[in-house]
Amino acid sequence: MIDFKNGWFKLSPISKAEGEKAVAPLLIDDEEVIAAFQSVRDKLIFTNKRIIAVNVQGLTGTKVDYTSIPYSRIQAFSVETAGVFDRDCELEIYVSAIGKVKFELRGSFDIRAFSRAIGKYIL
């Protein structure tokens, strides 16, 4: 499992198609990707049912850990928009049994629209 307690996850947006390709075997009926992000090797996929963290391990990258966080386990969330000097936006989620997880989203990304989508599934 990804160690969510140590540090931030700095992520850049990727296409939904690329995100779906990374988790296709894990998706259940009626589950679809709503947003996808990538760090150097790892990915974070938001579906309409859960968040899936894809942690590529080892030198060759053939070993992969998938951590699934159902929206029903998220107790609260917070978003921070990008500013003039700090061009990244942030998403914090508070998950029972894990605690606070903070994601830094790079590039131009509409965090407000994303917040509405996440709220739809959490609330």
PDB file of N, CA and C in Angstrom:
ATOM      1  N   MET A   1       0.840  -1.178   0.000  1.00  0.00           N
ATOM      2  CA  MET A   1       0.000   0.000   0.000  1.00  0.00           C
ATOM      3  C   MET A   1       0.883   1.238   0.000  1.00  0.00           C
ATOM      4  N   ILE A   2       0.426   2.255  -0.675  1.00  0.00           N
ATOM      5  CA  ILE A   2       1.147   3.523  -0.697  1.00  0.00           C
ATOM      6  C   ILE A   2       1.163   4.105   0.706  1.00  0.00           C
ATOM      7  N   ASP A   3       2.297   4.642   1.099  1.00  0.00           N
ATOM      8  CA  ASP A   3       2.422   5.285   2.405  1.00  0.00           C
ATOM      9  C   ASP A   3       1.870   6.699   2.307  1.00  0.00           C
ATOM     10  N   PHE A   4       0.586   6.850   2.598  1.00  0.00           N
ATOM     11  CA  PHE A   4      -0.075   8.146   2.457  1.00  0.00           C
ATOM     12  C   PHE A   4       0.354   9.148   3.513  1.00  0.00           C
ATOM     13  N   LYS A   5       0.962   8.701   4.588  1.00  0.00           N
ATOM     14  CA  LYS A   5       1.266   9.597   5.696  1.00  0.00           C
ATOM     15  C   LYS A   5       2.556  10.387   5.506  1.00  0.00           C
ATOM     16  N   ASN A   6       3.373   9.999   4.559  1.00  0.00           N
ATOM     17  CA  ASN A   6       4.652  10.679   4.358  1.00  0.00           C
ATOM     18  C   ASN A   6       4.629  11.539   3.108  1.00  0.00           C
ATOM     19  N   GLY A   7       4.415  12.801   3.302  1.00  0.00           N
ATOM     20  CA  GLY A   7       4.560  13.746   2.209  1.00  0.00           C
ATOM     21  C   GLY A   7       3.356  13.923   1.325  1.00  0.00           C
ATOM     22  N   TRP A   8       3.548  14.780   0.355  1.00  0.00           N
ATOM     23  CA  TRP A   8       2.528  15.110  -0.613  1.00  0.00           C
ATOM     24  C   TRP A   8       2.732  14.272  -1.860  1.00  0.00           C
ATOM     25  N   PHE A   9       1.712  14.229  -2.646  1.00  0.00           N
ATOM     26  CA  PHE A   9       1.803  13.580  -3.937  1.00  0.00           C
ATOM     27  C   PHE A   9       1.686  14.672  -4.988  1.00  0.00           C
ATOM     28  N   LYS A  10       2.768  14.933  -5.719  1.00  0.00           N
ATOM     29  CA  LYS A  10       2.779  15.975  -6.743  1.00  0.00           C
ATOM     30  C   LYS A  10       2.424  15.333  -8.075  1.00  0.00           C
ATOM     31  N   LEU A  11       1.284  15.731  -8.605  1.00  0.00           N
ATOM     32  CA  LEU A  11       0.717  15.046  -9.748  1.00  0.00           C
ATOM     33  C   LEU A  11       0.380  16.003 -10.886  1.00  0.00           C
ATOM     34  N   SER A  12       0.499  15.511 -12.100  1.00  0.00           N
ATOM     35  CA  SER A  12       0.110  16.261 -13.289  1.00  0.00           C
ATOM     36  C   SER A  12      -1.068  15.555 -13.946  1.00  0.00           C
ATOM     37  N   PRO A  13      -2.020  16.316 -14.480  1.00  0.00           N
ATOM     38  CA  PRO A  13      -3.166  15.688 -15.141  1.00  0.00           C
ATOM     39  C   PRO A  13      -2.747  14.884 -16.367  1.00  0.00           C
ATOM     40  N   ILE A  14      -3.420  13.749 -16.571  1.00  0.00           N
ATOM     41  CA  ILE A  14      -3.266  12.935 -17.778  1.00  0.00           C
ATOM     42  C   ILE A  14      -4.670  12.678 -18.320  1.00  0.00           C
ATOM     43  N   SER A  15      -4.756  12.119 -19.488  1.00  0.00           N
ATOM     44  CA  SER A  15      -6.067  11.875 -20.094  1.00  0.00           C
ATOM     45  C   SER A  15      -6.823  10.782 -19.345  1.00  0.00           C
ATOM     46  N   LYS A  16      -8.145  10.848 -19.421  1.00  0.00           N
ATOM     47  CA  LYS A  16      -8.987   9.807 -18.820  1.00  0.00           C
ATOM     48  C   LYS A  16      -8.674   8.456 -19.450  1.00  0.00           C
ATOM     49  N   ALA A  17      -8.418   8.454 -20.752  1.00  0.00           N
ATOM     50  CA  ALA A  17      -8.114   7.204 -21.462  1.00  0.00           C
ATOM     51  C   ALA A  17      -6.846   6.557 -20.916  1.00  0.00           C
ATOM     52  N   GLU A  18      -5.828   7.376 -20.641  1.00  0.00           N
ATOM     53  CA  GLU A  18      -4.576   6.844 -20.088  1.00  0.00           C
ATOM     54  C   GLU A  18      -4.804   6.313 -18.670  1.00  0.00           C
ATOM     55  N   GLY A  19      -5.629   7.022 -17.898  1.00  0.00           N
ATOM     56  CA  GLY A  19      -5.964   6.558 -16.556  1.00  0.00           C
ATOM     57  C   GLY A  19      -6.739   5.257 -16.591  1.00  0.00           C
ATOM     58  N   GLU A  20      -7.695   5.172 -17.510  1.00  0.00           N
ATOM     59  CA  GLU A  20      -8.492   3.950 -17.620  1.00  0.00           C
ATOM     60  C   GLU A  20      -7.626   2.762 -18.026  1.00  0.00           C
ATOM     61  N   LYS A  21      -6.674   2.998 -18.892  1.00  0.00           N
ATOM     62  CA  LYS A  21      -5.761   1.926 -19.324  1.00  0.00           C
ATOM     63  C   LYS A  21      -4.984   1.363 -18.126  1.00  0.00           C
ATOM     64  N   ALA A  22      -4.617   2.239 -17.185  1.00  0.00           N
ATOM     65  CA  ALA A  22      -3.825   1.819 -16.022  1.00  0.00           C
ATOM     66  C   ALA A  22      -4.624   0.961 -15.041  1.00  0.00           C
ATOM     67  N   VAL A  23      -5.956   1.141 -15.015  1.00  0.00           N
ATOM     68  CA  VAL A  23      -6.765   0.428 -14.005  1.00  0.00           C
ATOM     69  C   VAL A  23      -7.892  -0.397 -14.603  1.00  0.00           C
ATOM     70  N   ALA A  24      -7.939  -0.553 -15.904  1.00  0.00           N
ATOM     71  CA  ALA A  24      -9.045  -1.247 -16.572  1.00  0.00           C
ATOM     72  C   ALA A  24      -9.404  -2.596 -15.948  1.00  0.00           C
ATOM     73  N   PRO A  25      -8.431  -3.441 -15.605  1.00  0.00           N
ATOM     74  CA  PRO A  25      -8.797  -4.736 -15.029  1.00  0.00           C
ATOM     75  C   PRO A  25      -9.460  -4.627 -13.644  1.00  0.00           C
ATOM     76  N   LEU A  26      -9.328  -3.489 -12.988  1.00  0.00           N
ATOM     77  CA  LEU A  26      -9.873  -3.315 -11.640  1.00  0.00           C
ATOM     78  C   LEU A  26     -11.285  -2.732 -11.631  1.00  0.00           C
ATOM     79  N   LEU A  27     -11.692  -2.115 -12.728  1.00  0.00           N
ATOM     80  CA  LEU A  27     -12.972  -1.419 -12.752  1.00  0.00           C
ATOM     81  C   LEU A  27     -14.143  -2.395 -12.723  1.00  0.00           C
ATOM     82  N   ILE A  28     -15.172  -2.029 -11.949  1.00  0.00           N
ATOM     83  CA  ILE A  28     -16.369  -2.859 -11.855  1.00  0.00           C
ATOM     84  C   ILE A  28     -17.432  -2.317 -12.817  1.00  0.00           C
ATOM     85  N   ASP A  29     -18.552  -3.036 -12.912  1.00  0.00           N
ATOM     86  CA  ASP A  29     -19.641  -2.600 -13.789  1.00  0.00           C
ATOM     87  C   ASP A  29     -20.062  -1.179 -13.447  1.00  0.00           C
ATOM     88  N   ASP A  30     -20.312  -0.377 -14.442  1.00  0.00           N
ATOM     89  CA  ASP A  30     -20.768   1.008 -14.311  1.00  0.00           C
ATOM     90  C   ASP A  30     -19.747   1.932 -13.656  1.00  0.00           C
ATOM     91  N   GLU A  31     -18.503   1.517 -13.550  1.00  0.00           N
ATOM     92  CA  GLU A  31     -17.464   2.384 -12.996  1.00  0.00           C
ATOM     93  C   GLU A  31     -16.719   3.042 -14.151  1.00  0.00           C
ATOM     94  N   GLU A  32     -16.537   4.357 -14.059  1.00  0.00           N
ATOM     95  CA  GLU A  32     -15.839   5.080 -15.115  1.00  0.00           C
ATOM     96  C   GLU A  32     -14.869   6.082 -14.518  1.00  0.00           C
ATOM     97  N   VAL A  33     -13.807   6.345 -15.234  1.00  0.00           N
ATOM     98  CA  VAL A  33     -12.779   7.290 -14.810  1.00  0.00           C
ATOM     99  C   VAL A  33     -13.300   8.707 -15.020  1.00  0.00           C
ATOM    100  N   ILE A  34     -13.178   9.547 -13.963  1.00  0.00           N
ATOM    101  CA  ILE A  34     -13.604  10.950 -14.087  1.00  0.00           C
ATOM    102  C   ILE A  34     -12.406  11.903 -14.155  1.00  0.00           C
ATOM    103  N   ALA A  35     -11.247  11.458 -13.647  1.00  0.00           N
ATOM    104  CA  ALA A  35     -10.020  12.259 -13.722  1.00  0.00           C
ATOM    105  C   ALA A  35      -8.833  11.340 -13.453  1.00  0.00           C
ATOM    106  N   ALA A  36      -7.673  11.707 -14.003  1.00  0.00           N
ATOM    107  CA  ALA A  36      -6.467  10.896 -13.812  1.00  0.00           C
ATOM    108  C   ALA A  36      -5.250  11.811 -13.728  1.00  0.00           C
ATOM    109  N   PHE A  37      -4.297  11.391 -12.906  1.00  0.00           N
ATOM    110  CA  PHE A  37      -3.083  12.171 -12.661  1.00  0.00           C
ATOM    111  C   PHE A  37      -1.897  11.225 -12.606  1.00  0.00           C
ATOM    112  N   GLN A  38      -0.698  11.783 -12.813  1.00  0.00           N
ATOM    113  CA  GLN A  38       0.513  10.970 -12.781  1.00  0.00           C
ATOM    114  C   GLN A  38       1.646  11.738 -12.153  1.00  0.00           C
ATOM    115  N   SER A  39       2.448  11.017 -11.350  1.00  0.00           N
ATOM    116  CA  SER A  39       3.731  11.550 -10.899  1.00  0.00           C
ATOM    117  C   SER A  39       4.770  10.950 -11.838  1.00  0.00           C
ATOM    118  N   VAL A  40       5.974  10.749 -11.391  1.00  0.00           N
ATOM    119  CA  VAL A  40       7.004  10.200 -12.272  1.00  0.00           C
ATOM    120  C   VAL A  40       6.591   8.833 -12.810  1.00  0.00           C
ATOM    121  N   ARG A  41       6.257   7.896 -11.908  1.00  0.00           N
ATOM    122  CA  ARG A  41       5.844   6.555 -12.342  1.00  0.00           C
ATOM    123  C   ARG A  41       4.465   6.171 -11.838  1.00  0.00           C
ATOM    124  N   ASP A  42       4.030   6.797 -10.768  1.00  0.00           N
ATOM    125  CA  ASP A  42       2.765   6.422 -10.145  1.00  0.00           C
ATOM    126  C   ASP A  42       1.601   7.202 -10.743  1.00  0.00           C
ATOM    127  N   LYS A  43       0.406   6.664 -10.552  1.00  0.00           N
ATOM    128  CA  LYS A  43      -0.795   7.314 -11.052  1.00  0.00           C
ATOM    129  C   LYS A  43      -1.847   7.382  -9.951  1.00  0.00           C
ATOM    130  N   LEU A  44      -2.737   8.349 -10.074  1.00  0.00           N
ATOM    131  CA  LEU A  44      -3.873   8.485  -9.175  1.00  0.00           C
ATOM    132  C   LEU A  44      -5.100   8.637 -10.053  1.00  0.00           C
ATOM    133  N   ILE A  45      -6.022   7.700  -9.919  1.00  0.00           N
ATOM    134  CA  ILE A  45      -7.191   7.652 -10.776  1.00  0.00           C
ATOM    135  C   ILE A  45      -8.438   7.874  -9.935  1.00  0.00           C
ATOM    136  N   PHE A  46      -9.262   8.827 -10.334  1.00  0.00           N
ATOM    137  CA  PHE A  46     -10.540   9.082  -9.677  1.00  0.00           C
ATOM    138  C   PHE A  46     -11.629   8.506 -10.576  1.00  0.00           C
ATOM    139  N   THR A  47     -12.438   7.619 -10.023  1.00  0.00           N
ATOM    140  CA  THR A  47     -13.576   7.082 -10.765  1.00  0.00           C
ATOM    141  C   THR A  47     -14.848   7.630 -10.135  1.00  0.00           C
ATOM    142  N   ASN A  48     -15.977   7.209 -10.628  1.00  0.00           N
ATOM    143  CA  ASN A  48     -17.235   7.628 -10.037  1.00  0.00           C
ATOM    144  C   ASN A  48     -17.571   6.847  -8.765  1.00  0.00           C
ATOM    145  N   LYS A  49     -16.693   5.926  -8.355  1.00  0.00           N
ATOM    146  CA  LYS A  49     -16.937   5.118  -7.161  1.00  0.00           C
ATOM    147  C   LYS A  49     -15.820   5.173  -6.119  1.00  0.00           C
ATOM    148  N   ARG A  50     -14.587   5.488  -6.559  1.00  0.00           N
ATOM    149  CA  ARG A  50     -13.435   5.426  -5.649  1.00  0.00           C
ATOM    150  C   ARG A  50     -12.236   6.150  -6.227  1.00  0.00           C
ATOM    151  N   ILE A  51     -11.193   6.210  -5.396  1.00  0.00           N
ATOM    152  CA  ILE A  51      -9.885   6.700  -5.814  1.00  0.00           C
ATOM    153  C   ILE A  51      -8.969   5.475  -5.866  1.00  0.00           C
ATOM    154  N   ILE A  52      -8.242   5.326  -6.955  1.00  0.00           N
ATOM    155  CA  ILE A  52      -7.310   4.207  -7.091  1.00  0.00           C
ATOM    156  C   ILE A  52      -5.909   4.784  -7.235  1.00  0.00           C
ATOM    157  N   ALA A  53      -5.027   4.433  -6.287  1.00  0.00           N
ATOM    158  CA  ALA A  53      -3.625   4.836  -6.346  1.00  0.00           C
ATOM    159  C   ALA A  53      -2.839   3.686  -6.955  1.00  0.00           C
ATOM    160  N   VAL A  54      -2.078   3.971  -7.989  1.00  0.00           N
ATOM    161  CA  VAL A  54      -1.273   2.967  -8.693  1.00  0.00           C
ATOM    162  C   VAL A  54       0.185   3.262  -8.366  1.00  0.00           C
ATOM    163  N   ASN A  55       0.806   2.381  -7.588  1.00  0.00           N
ATOM    164  CA  ASN A  55       2.174   2.556  -7.118  1.00  0.00           C
ATOM    165  C   ASN A  55       3.081   1.567  -7.848  1.00  0.00           C
ATOM    166  N   VAL A  56       3.862   2.066  -8.794  1.00  0.00           N
ATOM    167  CA  VAL A  56       4.793   1.223  -9.548  1.00  0.00           C
ATOM    168  C   VAL A  56       6.027   1.007  -8.688  1.00  0.00           C
ATOM    169  N   GLN A  57       6.422  -0.259  -8.522  1.00  0.00           N
ATOM    170  CA  GLN A  57       7.508  -0.597  -7.608  1.00  0.00           C
ATOM    171  C   GLN A  57       8.659  -1.275  -8.344  1.00  0.00           C
ATOM    172  N   GLY A  58       9.821  -1.225  -7.727  1.00  0.00           N
ATOM    173  CA  GLY A  58      10.992  -1.916  -8.249  1.00  0.00           C
ATOM    174  C   GLY A  58      11.651  -1.184  -9.409  1.00  0.00           C
ATOM    175  N   LEU A  59      12.827  -1.662  -9.769  1.00  0.00           N
ATOM    176  CA  LEU A  59      13.591  -1.042 -10.847  1.00  0.00           C
ATOM    177  C   LEU A  59      12.937  -1.219 -12.208  1.00  0.00           C
ATOM    178  N   THR A  60      12.330  -2.380 -12.430  1.00  0.00           N
ATOM    179  CA  THR A  60      11.753  -2.655 -13.740  1.00  0.00           C
ATOM    180  C   THR A  60      10.324  -2.142 -13.861  1.00  0.00           C
ATOM    181  N   GLY A  61       9.669  -1.898 -12.751  1.00  0.00           N
ATOM    182  CA  GLY A  61       8.300  -1.403 -12.784  1.00  0.00           C
ATOM    183  C   GLY A  61       7.266  -2.460 -13.092  1.00  0.00           C
ATOM    184  N   THR A  62       7.658  -3.730 -13.002  1.00  0.00           N
ATOM    185  CA  THR A  62       6.701  -4.795 -13.290  1.00  0.00           C
ATOM    186  C   THR A  62       5.812  -5.113 -12.093  1.00  0.00           C
ATOM    187  N   LYS A  63       6.265  -4.768 -10.904  1.00  0.00           N
ATOM    188  CA  LYS A  63       5.460  -4.975  -9.701  1.00  0.00           C
ATOM    189  C   LYS A  63       4.667  -3.699  -9.436  1.00  0.00           C
ATOM    190  N   VAL A  64       3.341  -3.835  -9.291  1.00  0.00           N
ATOM    191  CA  VAL A  64       2.467  -2.677  -9.117  1.00  0.00           C
ATOM    192  C   VAL A  64       1.531  -2.923  -7.942  1.00  0.00           C
ATOM    193  N   ASP A  65       1.418  -1.920  -7.077  1.00  0.00           N
ATOM    194  CA  ASP A  65       0.484  -1.966  -5.953  1.00  0.00           C
ATOM    195  C   ASP A  65      -0.699  -1.060  -6.279  1.00  0.00           C
ATOM    196  N   TYR A  66      -1.908  -1.563  -6.095  1.00  0.00           N
ATOM    197  CA  TYR A  66      -3.127  -0.787  -6.311  1.00  0.00           C
ATOM    198  C   TYR A  66      -3.813  -0.594  -4.966  1.00  0.00           C
ATOM    199  N   THR A  67      -4.032   0.643  -4.580  1.00  0.00           N
ATOM    200  CA  THR A  67      -4.746   0.953  -3.345  1.00  0.00           C
ATOM    201  C   THR A  67      -6.053   1.634  -3.721  1.00  0.00           C
ATOM    202  N   SER A  68      -7.143   1.102  -3.210  1.00  0.00           N
ATOM    203  CA  SER A  68      -8.461   1.618  -3.530  1.00  0.00           C
ATOM    204  C   SER A  68      -9.068   2.286  -2.302  1.00  0.00           C
ATOM    205  N   ILE A  69      -9.531   3.516  -2.477  1.00  0.00           N
ATOM    206  CA  ILE A  69     -10.186   4.250  -1.391  1.00  0.00           C
ATOM    207  C   ILE A  69     -11.614   4.548  -1.840  1.00  0.00           C
ATOM    208  N   PRO A  70     -12.586   3.821  -1.310  1.00  0.00           N
ATOM    209  CA  PRO A  70     -13.982   4.098  -1.671  1.00  0.00           C
ATOM    210  C   PRO A  70     -14.409   5.469  -1.151  1.00  0.00           C
ATOM    211  N   TYR A  71     -15.206   6.172  -1.921  1.00  0.00           N
ATOM    212  CA  TYR A  71     -15.681   7.481  -1.490  1.00  0.00           C
ATOM    213  C   TYR A  71     -16.452   7.398  -0.176  1.00  0.00           C
ATOM    214  N   SER A  72     -17.055   6.272   0.110  1.00  0.00           N
ATOM    215  CA  SER A  72     -17.814   6.110   1.359  1.00  0.00           C
ATOM    216  C   SER A  72     -16.911   6.196   2.591  1.00  0.00           C
ATOM    217  N   ARG A  73     -15.597   6.050   2.418  1.00  0.00           N
ATOM    218  CA  ARG A  73     -14.648   6.116   3.536  1.00  0.00           C
ATOM    219  C   ARG A  73     -14.061   7.499   3.725  1.00  0.00           C
ATOM    220  N   ILE A  74     -14.365   8.411   2.825  1.00  0.00           N
ATOM    221  CA  ILE A  74     -13.858   9.776   2.949  1.00  0.00           C
ATOM    222  C   ILE A  74     -14.798  10.556   3.854  1.00  0.00           C
ATOM    223  N   GLN A  75     -14.243  11.104   4.930  1.00  0.00           N
ATOM    224  CA  GLN A  75     -15.043  11.813   5.919  1.00  0.00           C
ATOM    225  C   GLN A  75     -15.132  13.302   5.620  1.00  0.00           C
ATOM    226  N   ALA A  76     -14.121  13.859   4.979  1.00  0.00           N
ATOM    227  CA  ALA A  76     -14.103  15.279   4.643  1.00  0.00           C
ATOM    228  C   ALA A  76     -13.070  15.492   3.546  1.00  0.00           C
ATOM    229  N   PHE A  77     -13.197  16.637   2.853  1.00  0.00           N
ATOM    230  CA  PHE A  77     -12.190  16.976   1.859  1.00  0.00           C
ATOM    231  C   PHE A  77     -12.068  18.482   1.758  1.00  0.00           C
ATOM    232  N   SER A  78     -10.931  18.920   1.260  1.00  0.00           N
ATOM    233  CA  SER A  78     -10.635  20.337   1.144  1.00  0.00           C
ATOM    234  C   SER A  78      -9.905  20.567  -0.170  1.00  0.00           C
ATOM    235  N   VAL A  79     -10.214  21.700  -0.827  1.00  0.00           N
ATOM    236  CA  VAL A  79      -9.486  22.069  -2.036  1.00  0.00           C
ATOM    237  C   VAL A  79      -8.909  23.461  -1.860  1.00  0.00           C
ATOM    238  N   GLU A  80      -7.767  23.685  -2.501  1.00  0.00           N
ATOM    239  CA  GLU A  80      -7.126  24.995  -2.494  1.00  0.00           C
ATOM    240  C   GLU A  80      -6.791  25.331  -3.934  1.00  0.00           C
ATOM    241  N   THR A  81      -7.262  26.491  -4.389  1.00  0.00           N
ATOM    242  CA  THR A  81      -7.013  26.895  -5.766  1.00  0.00           C
ATOM    243  C   THR A  81      -5.576  27.375  -5.940  1.00  0.00           C
ATOM    244  N   ALA A  82      -5.145  27.438  -7.181  1.00  0.00           N
ATOM    245  CA  ALA A  82      -3.816  27.950  -7.495  1.00  0.00           C
ATOM    246  C   ALA A  82      -3.801  29.466  -7.319  1.00  0.00           C
ATOM    247  N   GLY A  83      -2.624  30.015  -7.052  1.00  0.00           N
ATOM    248  CA  GLY A  83      -2.473  31.458  -6.898  1.00  0.00           C
ATOM    249  C   GLY A  83      -1.547  32.020  -7.953  1.00  0.00           C
ATOM    250  N   VAL A  84      -1.150  33.257  -7.770  1.00  0.00           N
ATOM    251  CA  VAL A  84      -0.270  33.918  -8.729  1.00  0.00           C
ATOM    252  C   VAL A  84       1.123  33.299  -8.696  1.00  0.00           C
ATOM    253  N   PHE A  85       1.684  33.130  -7.505  1.00  0.00           N
ATOM    254  CA  PHE A  85       3.037  32.592  -7.385  1.00  0.00           C
ATOM    255  C   PHE A  85       3.039  31.078  -7.165  1.00  0.00           C
ATOM    256  N   ASP A  86       2.020  30.562  -6.509  1.00  0.00           N
ATOM    257  CA  ASP A  86       1.878  29.115  -6.302  1.00  0.00           C
ATOM    258  C   ASP A  86       0.884  28.612  -7.336  1.00  0.00           C
ATOM    259  N   ARG A  87       1.388  28.092  -8.438  1.00  0.00           N
ATOM    260  CA  ARG A  87       0.558  27.722  -9.582  1.00  0.00           C
ATOM    261  C   ARG A  87      -0.125  26.364  -9.422  1.00  0.00           C
ATOM    262  N   ASP A  88       0.152  25.658  -8.339  1.00  0.00           N
ATOM    263  CA  ASP A  88      -0.436  24.347  -8.119  1.00  0.00           C
ATOM    264  C   ASP A  88      -1.675  24.468  -7.237  1.00  0.00           C
ATOM    265  N   CYS A  89      -2.636  23.594  -7.460  1.00  0.00           N
ATOM    266  CA  CYS A  89      -3.790  23.537  -6.574  1.00  0.00           C
ATOM    267  C   CYS A  89      -3.647  22.274  -5.721  1.00  0.00           C
ATOM    268  N   GLU A  90      -4.406  22.215  -4.650  1.00  0.00           N
ATOM    269  CA  GLU A  90      -4.261  21.102  -3.712  1.00  0.00           C
ATOM    270  C   GLU A  90      -5.604  20.496  -3.370  1.00  0.00           C
ATOM    271  N   LEU A  91      -5.582  19.196  -3.134  1.00  0.00           N
ATOM    272  CA  LEU A  91      -6.738  18.450  -2.670  1.00  0.00           C
ATOM    273  C   LEU A  91      -6.318  17.683  -1.433  1.00  0.00           C
ATOM    274  N   GLU A  92      -7.058  17.858  -0.351  1.00  0.00           N
ATOM    275  CA  GLU A  92      -6.836  17.082   0.863  1.00  0.00           C
ATOM    276  C   GLU A  92      -8.085  16.267   1.122  1.00  0.00           C
ATOM    277  N   ILE A  93      -7.885  14.993   1.396  1.00  0.00           N
ATOM    278  CA  ILE A  93      -9.002  14.146   1.789  1.00  0.00           C
ATOM    279  C   ILE A  93      -8.692  13.554   3.154  1.00  0.00           C
ATOM    280  N   TYR A  94      -9.733  13.331   3.914  1.00  0.00           N
ATOM    281  CA  TYR A  94      -9.609  12.757   5.250  1.00  0.00           C
ATOM    282  C   TYR A  94     -10.327  11.419   5.231  1.00  0.00           C
ATOM    283  N   VAL A  95      -9.546  10.359   5.343  1.00  0.00           N
ATOM    284  CA  VAL A  95     -10.056   9.006   5.182  1.00  0.00           C
ATOM    285  C   VAL A  95     -10.005   8.278   6.515  1.00  0.00           C
ATOM    286  N   SER A  96     -11.112   7.621   6.868  1.00  0.00           N
ATOM    287  CA  SER A  96     -11.109   6.831   8.094  1.00  0.00           C
ATOM    288  C   SER A  96     -10.054   5.738   7.967  1.00  0.00           C
ATOM    289  N   ALA A  97      -9.331   5.498   9.025  1.00  0.00           N
ATOM    290  CA  ALA A  97      -8.272   4.481   9.142  1.00  0.00           C
ATOM    291  C   ALA A  97      -6.961   4.888   8.475  1.00  0.00           C
ATOM    292  N   ILE A  98      -6.943   5.956   7.695  1.00  0.00           N
ATOM    293  CA  ILE A  98      -5.692   6.413   7.074  1.00  0.00           C
ATOM    294  C   ILE A  98      -5.317   7.788   7.603  1.00  0.00           C
ATOM    295  N   GLY A  99      -6.270   8.686   7.694  1.00  0.00           N
ATOM    296  CA  GLY A  99      -6.004  10.057   8.101  1.00  0.00           C
ATOM    297  C   GLY A  99      -6.010  10.983   6.910  1.00  0.00           C
ATOM    298  N   LYS A 100      -5.264  12.083   7.004  1.00  0.00           N
ATOM    299  CA  LYS A 100      -5.239  13.090   5.945  1.00  0.00           C
ATOM    300  C   LYS A 100      -4.278  12.676   4.835  1.00  0.00           C
ATOM    301  N   VAL A 101      -4.744  12.826   3.602  1.00  0.00           N
ATOM    302  CA  VAL A 101      -3.922  12.579   2.424  1.00  0.00           C
ATOM    303  C   VAL A 101      -3.970  13.856   1.588  1.00  0.00           C
ATOM    304  N   LYS A 102      -2.797  14.363   1.208  1.00  0.00           N
ATOM    305  CA  LYS A 102      -2.716  15.619   0.484  1.00  0.00           C
ATOM    306  C   LYS A 102      -2.130  15.379  -0.899  1.00  0.00           C
ATOM    307  N   PHE A 103      -2.819  15.900  -1.919  1.00  0.00           N
ATOM    308  CA  PHE A 103      -2.375  15.790  -3.298  1.00  0.00           C
ATOM    309  C   PHE A 103      -2.142  17.179  -3.850  1.00  0.00           C
ATOM    310  N   GLU A 104      -0.987  17.411  -4.463  1.00  0.00           N
ATOM    311  CA  GLU A 104      -0.682  18.670  -5.126  1.00  0.00           C
ATOM    312  C   GLU A 104      -0.842  18.437  -6.619  1.00  0.00           C
ATOM    313  N   LEU A 105      -1.752  19.182  -7.235  1.00  0.00           N
ATOM    314  CA  LEU A 105      -2.079  18.995  -8.635  1.00  0.00           C
ATOM    315  C   LEU A 105      -1.442  20.110  -9.451  1.00  0.00           C
ATOM    316  N   ARG A 106      -0.555  19.743 -10.332  1.00  0.00           N
ATOM    317  CA  ARG A 106       0.208  20.710 -11.133  1.00  0.00           C
ATOM    318  C   ARG A 106      -0.519  21.047 -12.422  1.00  0.00           C
ATOM    319  N   GLY A 107      -0.106  22.145 -13.000  1.00  0.00           N
ATOM    320  CA  GLY A 107      -0.639  22.534 -14.299  1.00  0.00           C
ATOM    321  C   GLY A 107      -1.998  23.196 -14.185  1.00  0.00           C
ATOM    322  N   SER A 108      -2.566  23.489 -15.333  1.00  0.00           N
ATOM    323  CA  SER A 108      -3.882  24.127 -15.334  1.00  0.00           C
ATOM    324  C   SER A 108      -4.940  23.055 -15.111  1.00  0.00           C
ATOM    325  N   PHE A 109      -5.602  23.151 -14.002  1.00  0.00           N
ATOM    326  CA  PHE A 109      -6.619  22.173 -13.635  1.00  0.00           C
ATOM    327  C   PHE A 109      -7.728  22.905 -12.897  1.00  0.00           C
ATOM    328  N   ASP A 110      -8.966  22.649 -13.265  1.00  0.00           N
ATOM    329  CA  ASP A 110     -10.113  23.320 -12.651  1.00  0.00           C
ATOM    330  C   ASP A 110     -10.500  22.592 -11.366  1.00  0.00           C
ATOM    331  N   ILE A 111      -9.875  22.972 -10.265  1.00  0.00           N
ATOM    332  CA  ILE A 111     -10.103  22.301  -8.990  1.00  0.00           C
ATOM    333  C   ILE A 111     -11.526  22.535  -8.479  1.00  0.00           C
ATOM    334  N   ARG A 112     -12.127  23.671  -8.822  1.00  0.00           N
ATOM    335  CA  ARG A 112     -13.497  23.945  -8.364  1.00  0.00           C
ATOM    336  C   ARG A 112     -14.491  22.974  -9.006  1.00  0.00           C
ATOM    337  N   ALA A 113     -14.382  22.773 -10.304  1.00  0.00           N
ATOM    338  CA  ALA A 113     -15.256  21.814 -10.998  1.00  0.00           C
ATOM    339  C   ALA A 113     -15.014  20.406 -10.473  1.00  0.00           C
ATOM    340  N   PHE A 114     -13.747  20.102 -10.236  1.00  0.00           N
ATOM    341  CA  PHE A 114     -13.403  18.780  -9.702  1.00  0.00           C
ATOM    342  C   PHE A 114     -13.985  18.610  -8.305  1.00  0.00           C
ATOM    343  N   SER A 115     -13.972  19.660  -7.512  1.00  0.00           N
ATOM    344  CA  SER A 115     -14.539  19.632  -6.171  1.00  0.00           C
ATOM    345  C   SER A 115     -16.042  19.311  -6.225  1.00  0.00           C
ATOM    346  N   ARG A 116     -16.732  19.889  -7.187  1.00  0.00           N
ATOM    347  CA  ARG A 116     -18.162  19.587  -7.340  1.00  0.00           C
ATOM    348  C   ARG A 116     -18.368  18.111  -7.686  1.00  0.00           C
ATOM    349  N   ALA A 117     -17.528  17.591  -8.574  1.00  0.00           N
ATOM    350  CA  ALA A 117     -17.653  16.178  -8.952  1.00  0.00           C
ATOM    351  C   ALA A 117     -17.377  15.259  -7.770  1.00  0.00           C
ATOM    352  N   ILE A 118     -16.309  15.535  -7.024  1.00  0.00           N
ATOM    353  CA  ILE A 118     -15.993  14.706  -5.857  1.00  0.00           C
ATOM    354  C   ILE A 118     -17.110  14.824  -4.810  1.00  0.00           C
ATOM    355  N   GLY A 119     -17.592  16.031  -4.589  1.00  0.00           N
ATOM    356  CA  GLY A 119     -18.684  16.230  -3.641  1.00  0.00           C
ATOM    357  C   GLY A 119     -19.920  15.422  -3.998  1.00  0.00           C
ATOM    358  N   LYS A 120     -20.187  15.296  -5.271  1.00  0.00           N
ATOM    359  CA  LYS A 120     -21.328  14.517  -5.741  1.00  0.00           C
ATOM    360  C   LYS A 120     -21.237  13.057  -5.282  1.00  0.00           C
ATOM    361  N   TYR A 121     -20.027  12.521  -5.253  1.00  0.00           N
ATOM    362  CA  TYR A 121     -19.851  11.125  -4.884  1.00  0.00           C
ATOM    363  C   TYR A 121     -19.681  10.922  -3.375  1.00  0.00           C
ATOM    364  N   ILE A 122     -19.159  11.929  -2.692  1.00  0.00           N
ATOM    365  CA  ILE A 122     -18.907  11.803  -1.257  1.00  0.00           C
ATOM    366  C   ILE A 122     -20.139  12.153  -0.433  1.00  0.00           C
ATOM    367  N   LEU A 123     -20.837  13.211  -0.814  1.00  0.00           N
ATOM    368  CA  LEU A 123     -21.948  13.717  -0.002  1.00  0.00           C
ATOM    369  C   LEU A 123     -23.240  12.971  -0.223  1.00  0.00           C
TER     370      LEU A 123
END
